Amino acid sequence: MKKTIVLLAISFAFLHCSSNNTIETSSSTNIHGKRFECEEPRPEACTFYYEPVCAKPINETFSNGCFACMNEEVEFYVLGECKK
């Protein structure tokens, strides 16, 4: 029973972060040509994978888009690390 609850909690966290927390728009601001807007509600939990993004307007690199959008100062992010 405990294993089932833990698996459900992990699945919910994964689905919550991967489901429509970002919208791809047609504006292009980086070499990859993708810009992702952070939406409300902000994610509360994220999976640990490394796909670096540059959060705007704070110009800070996060390990992935979910972690970037957890920060209330972030409006959108682009793929790749921020230029220093």
C-alpha atoms as a PDB file:
ATOM      1  CA  MET A   1       0.000   0.000   0.000  1.00  0.00           C
ATOM      2  CA  LYS A   2       2.828   2.421   0.887  1.00  0.00           C
ATOM      3  CA  LYS A   3       4.569   1.660  -2.414  1.00  0.00           C
ATOM      4  CA  THR A   4       1.375   2.485  -4.296  1.00  0.00           C
ATOM      5  CA  ILE A   5       0.992   5.821  -2.526  1.00  0.00           C
ATOM      6  CA  VAL A   6       4.632   6.736  -3.161  1.00  0.00           C
ATOM      7  CA  LEU A   7       4.345   5.782  -6.838  1.00  0.00           C
ATOM      8  CA  LEU A   8       1.161   7.813  -7.195  1.00  0.00           C
ATOM      9  CA  ALA A   9       2.797  10.843  -5.557  1.00  0.00           C
ATOM     10  CA  ILE A  10       5.832  10.611  -7.843  1.00  0.00           C
ATOM     11  CA  SER A  11       3.628  10.137 -10.905  1.00  0.00           C
ATOM     12  CA  PHE A  12       1.518  13.147  -9.959  1.00  0.00           C
ATOM     13  CA  ALA A  13       4.602  15.334  -9.472  1.00  0.00           C
ATOM     14  CA  PHE A  14       6.013  14.233 -12.825  1.00  0.00           C
ATOM     15  CA  LEU A  15       2.741  14.791 -14.668  1.00  0.00           C
ATOM     16  CA  HIS A  16       2.206  18.139 -12.981  1.00  0.00           C
ATOM     17  CA  CYS A  17       5.605  19.406 -14.156  1.00  0.00           C
ATOM     18  CA  SER A  18       5.421  17.976 -17.623  1.00  0.00           C
ATOM     19  CA  SER A  19       1.832  18.951 -18.348  1.00  0.00           C
ATOM     20  CA  ASN A  20       1.216  22.279 -20.013  1.00  0.00           C
ATOM     21  CA  ASN A  21       3.261  24.417 -17.652  1.00  0.00           C
ATOM     22  CA  THR A  22       4.796  26.074 -20.678  1.00  0.00           C
ATOM     23  CA  ILE A  23       3.538  27.263 -24.008  1.00  0.00           C
ATOM     24  CA  GLU A  24       5.744  27.338 -27.047  1.00  0.00           C
ATOM     25  CA  THR A  25       5.320  30.614 -28.892  1.00  0.00           C
ATOM     26  CA  SER A  26       6.388  31.688 -32.331  1.00  0.00           C
ATOM     27  CA  SER A  27       8.814  34.340 -31.041  1.00  0.00           C
ATOM     28  CA  SER A  28      12.418  33.365 -31.323  1.00  0.00           C
ATOM     29  CA  THR A  29      15.050  34.612 -28.895  1.00  0.00           C
ATOM     30  CA  ASN A  30      17.825  32.023 -29.139  1.00  0.00           C
ATOM     31  CA  ILE A  31      19.665  29.729 -31.495  1.00  0.00           C
ATOM     32  CA  HIS A  32      17.131  26.932 -30.913  1.00  0.00           C
ATOM     33  CA  GLY A  33      14.287  29.221 -31.987  1.00  0.00           C
ATOM     34  CA  LYS A  34      12.041  28.426 -29.022  1.00  0.00           C
ATOM     35  CA  ARG A  35      10.655  30.595 -26.253  1.00  0.00           C
ATOM     36  CA  PHE A  36       8.576  29.105 -23.447  1.00  0.00           C
ATOM     37  CA  GLU A  37       6.214  31.197 -21.302  1.00  0.00           C
ATOM     38  CA  CYS A  38       5.712  30.336 -17.615  1.00  0.00           C
ATOM     39  CA  GLU A  39       2.061  29.899 -16.728  1.00  0.00           C
ATOM     40  CA  GLU A  40       0.069  30.046 -13.543  1.00  0.00           C
ATOM     41  CA  PRO A  41      -0.187  28.092 -11.396  1.00  0.00           C
ATOM     42  CA  ARG A  42       3.564  27.757 -11.020  1.00  0.00           C
ATOM     43  CA  PRO A  43       4.959  24.232 -10.566  1.00  0.00           C
ATOM     44  CA  GLU A  44       5.435  23.077  -6.985  1.00  0.00           C
ATOM     45  CA  ALA A  45       7.670  20.078  -7.725  1.00  0.00           C
ATOM     46  CA  CYS A  46       9.990  19.237 -10.609  1.00  0.00           C
ATOM     47  CA  THR A  47      11.838  16.201 -11.915  1.00  0.00           C
ATOM     48  CA  PHE A  48      15.622  16.184 -11.791  1.00  0.00           C
ATOM     49  CA  TYR A  49      16.894  16.095 -15.357  1.00  0.00           C
ATOM     50  CA  TYR A  50      19.434  18.370 -16.997  1.00  0.00           C
ATOM     51  CA  GLU A  51      18.239  20.404 -19.954  1.00  0.00           C
ATOM     52  CA  PRO A  52      19.620  23.891 -19.197  1.00  0.00           C
ATOM     53  CA  VAL A  53      17.468  26.933 -19.867  1.00  0.00           C
ATOM     54  CA  CYS A  54      18.058  30.663 -19.572  1.00  0.00           C
ATOM     55  CA  ALA A  55      15.334  32.342 -17.500  1.00  0.00           C
ATOM     56  CA  LYS A  56      14.250  35.831 -18.503  1.00  0.00           C
ATOM     57  CA  PRO A  57      14.265  38.635 -17.491  1.00  0.00           C
ATOM     58  CA  ILE A  58      16.605  37.598 -14.646  1.00  0.00           C
ATOM     59  CA  ASN A  59      19.154  36.036 -17.057  1.00  0.00           C
ATOM     60  CA  GLU A  60      19.885  33.048 -14.799  1.00  0.00           C
ATOM     61  CA  THR A  61      20.541  29.462 -15.915  1.00  0.00           C
ATOM     62  CA  PHE A  62      18.321  26.731 -14.410  1.00  0.00           C
ATOM     63  CA  SER A  63      18.678  22.970 -14.867  1.00  0.00           C
ATOM     64  CA  ASN A  64      15.337  22.770 -16.716  1.00  0.00           C
ATOM     65  CA  GLY A  65      12.221  24.783 -17.523  1.00  0.00           C
ATOM     66  CA  CYS A  66      10.214  23.456 -14.602  1.00  0.00           C
ATOM     67  CA  PHE A  67      12.742  24.760 -12.069  1.00  0.00           C
ATOM     68  CA  ALA A  68      12.921  28.084 -13.931  1.00  0.00           C
ATOM     69  CA  CYS A  69       9.148  28.558 -13.758  1.00  0.00           C
ATOM     70  CA  MET A  70       9.105  27.833 -10.018  1.00  0.00           C
ATOM     71  CA  ASN A  71      10.784  31.239  -9.596  1.00  0.00           C
ATOM     72  CA  GLU A  72       8.131  33.992  -9.534  1.00  0.00           C
ATOM     73  CA  GLU A  73      10.543  36.474 -11.170  1.00  0.00           C
ATOM     74  CA  VAL A  74      10.771  34.376 -14.341  1.00  0.00           C
ATOM     75  CA  GLU A  75       8.372  35.319 -17.158  1.00  0.00           C
ATOM     76  CA  PHE A  76       9.739  32.960 -19.821  1.00  0.00           C
ATOM     77  CA  TYR A  77      12.814  30.920 -20.678  1.00  0.00           C
ATOM     78  CA  VAL A  78      14.797  29.909 -23.738  1.00  0.00           C
ATOM     79  CA  LEU A  79      16.689  26.675 -24.325  1.00  0.00           C
ATOM     80  CA  GLY A  80      20.364  26.637 -23.443  1.00  0.00           C
ATOM     81  CA  GLU A  81      22.538  28.260 -20.804  1.00  0.00           C
ATOM     82  CA  CYS A  82      22.571  32.038 -20.378  1.00  0.00           C
ATOM     83  CA  LYS A  83      25.371  33.933 -22.082  1.00  0.00           C
ATOM     84  CA  LYS A  84      27.732  35.510 -19.555  1.00  0.00           C
END
